[in-house]
């Protein structure tokens, strides 16, 4: 899945709605490179940063990479 498809098919229509609820949550993703645990220039990482989704355990909106 490309970065753009991931944003357009999952992040925008689903995860963005969670953000609007203003409740704490955690986005679990497999370790696919499209989910962006690396480069800051990545579109997915920038999208997550705009929505304040963080790897920090104390963050209101968290992400978790499942490496299995």
Protein backbone atom coordinates (compact mmCIF):
# COMPACT_ATOMS: atom_id res chain seq x y z
CA UNK A 1 0.00 0.00 0.00
CA UNK A 2 1.44 3.38 -0.92
CA UNK A 3 1.70 6.28 1.53
CA UNK A 4 -1.02 8.21 -0.29
CA UNK A 5 -3.43 5.26 -0.33
CA UNK A 6 -2.85 4.65 3.39
CA UNK A 7 -3.65 8.29 4.16
CA UNK A 8 -6.67 8.46 1.82
CA UNK A 9 -8.13 5.04 2.72
CA UNK A 10 -7.41 4.70 6.43
CA UNK A 11 -5.98 7.75 8.15
CA UNK A 12 -8.29 10.45 6.78
CA UNK A 13 -11.64 8.61 6.77
CA UNK A 14 -11.13 6.59 9.98
CA UNK A 15 -8.34 7.82 12.26
CA UNK A 16 -9.12 11.51 11.73
CA UNK A 17 -12.61 10.84 13.12
CA UNK A 18 -11.09 9.40 16.30
CA UNK A 19 -9.15 12.63 16.70
CA UNK A 20 -12.39 14.64 16.59
CA UNK A 21 -13.78 12.66 19.54
CA UNK A 22 -11.10 14.19 21.81
CA UNK A 23 -10.62 10.95 23.75
CA UNK A 24 -7.36 9.17 24.35
CA UNK A 25 -6.59 6.30 21.94
CA UNK A 26 -3.75 4.24 20.46
CA UNK A 27 -3.30 3.42 16.77
CA UNK A 28 -1.73 -0.03 16.40
CA UNK A 29 0.04 -0.74 13.12
CA UNK A 30 2.17 -3.57 11.84
CA UNK A 31 5.77 -2.71 11.00
CA UNK A 32 5.06 -1.97 7.32
CA UNK A 33 7.35 0.77 6.03
CA UNK A 34 4.31 2.71 4.79
CA UNK A 35 3.29 3.40 8.36
CA UNK A 36 6.35 5.55 8.77
CA UNK A 37 8.46 4.83 11.76
CA UNK A 38 11.45 6.33 9.98
CA UNK A 39 12.02 9.35 7.77
CA UNK A 40 10.53 12.72 8.69
CA UNK A 41 9.96 13.55 5.03
CA UNK A 42 7.43 10.72 4.81
CA UNK A 43 3.84 11.83 4.08
CA UNK A 44 2.37 9.46 6.68
CA UNK A 45 4.68 10.70 9.42
CA UNK A 46 3.84 14.30 8.59
CA UNK A 47 0.14 13.47 8.68
CA UNK A 48 0.55 11.88 12.12
CA UNK A 49 2.55 14.85 13.38
CA UNK A 50 -0.20 17.23 12.19
CA UNK A 51 -2.71 15.21 14.23
CA UNK A 52 -0.33 15.03 17.22
CA UNK A 53 -0.10 11.23 17.08
CA UNK A 54 3.01 10.17 18.96
CA UNK A 55 5.04 7.16 20.05
CA UNK A 56 5.31 8.69 23.55
CA UNK A 57 3.57 6.60 26.21
CA UNK A 58 2.05 9.68 27.84
CA UNK A 59 0.61 11.15 24.62
CA UNK A 60 -3.15 11.60 24.31
CA UNK A 61 -3.06 10.19 20.77
CA UNK A 62 -0.59 7.33 20.54
CA UNK A 63 0.71 4.96 17.92
CA UNK A 64 2.17 1.53 18.49
CA UNK A 65 4.07 -0.64 16.04
CA UNK A 66 3.35 -4.37 16.35
CA UNK A 67 6.54 -6.08 15.17
CA UNK A 68 5.18 -9.62 14.99
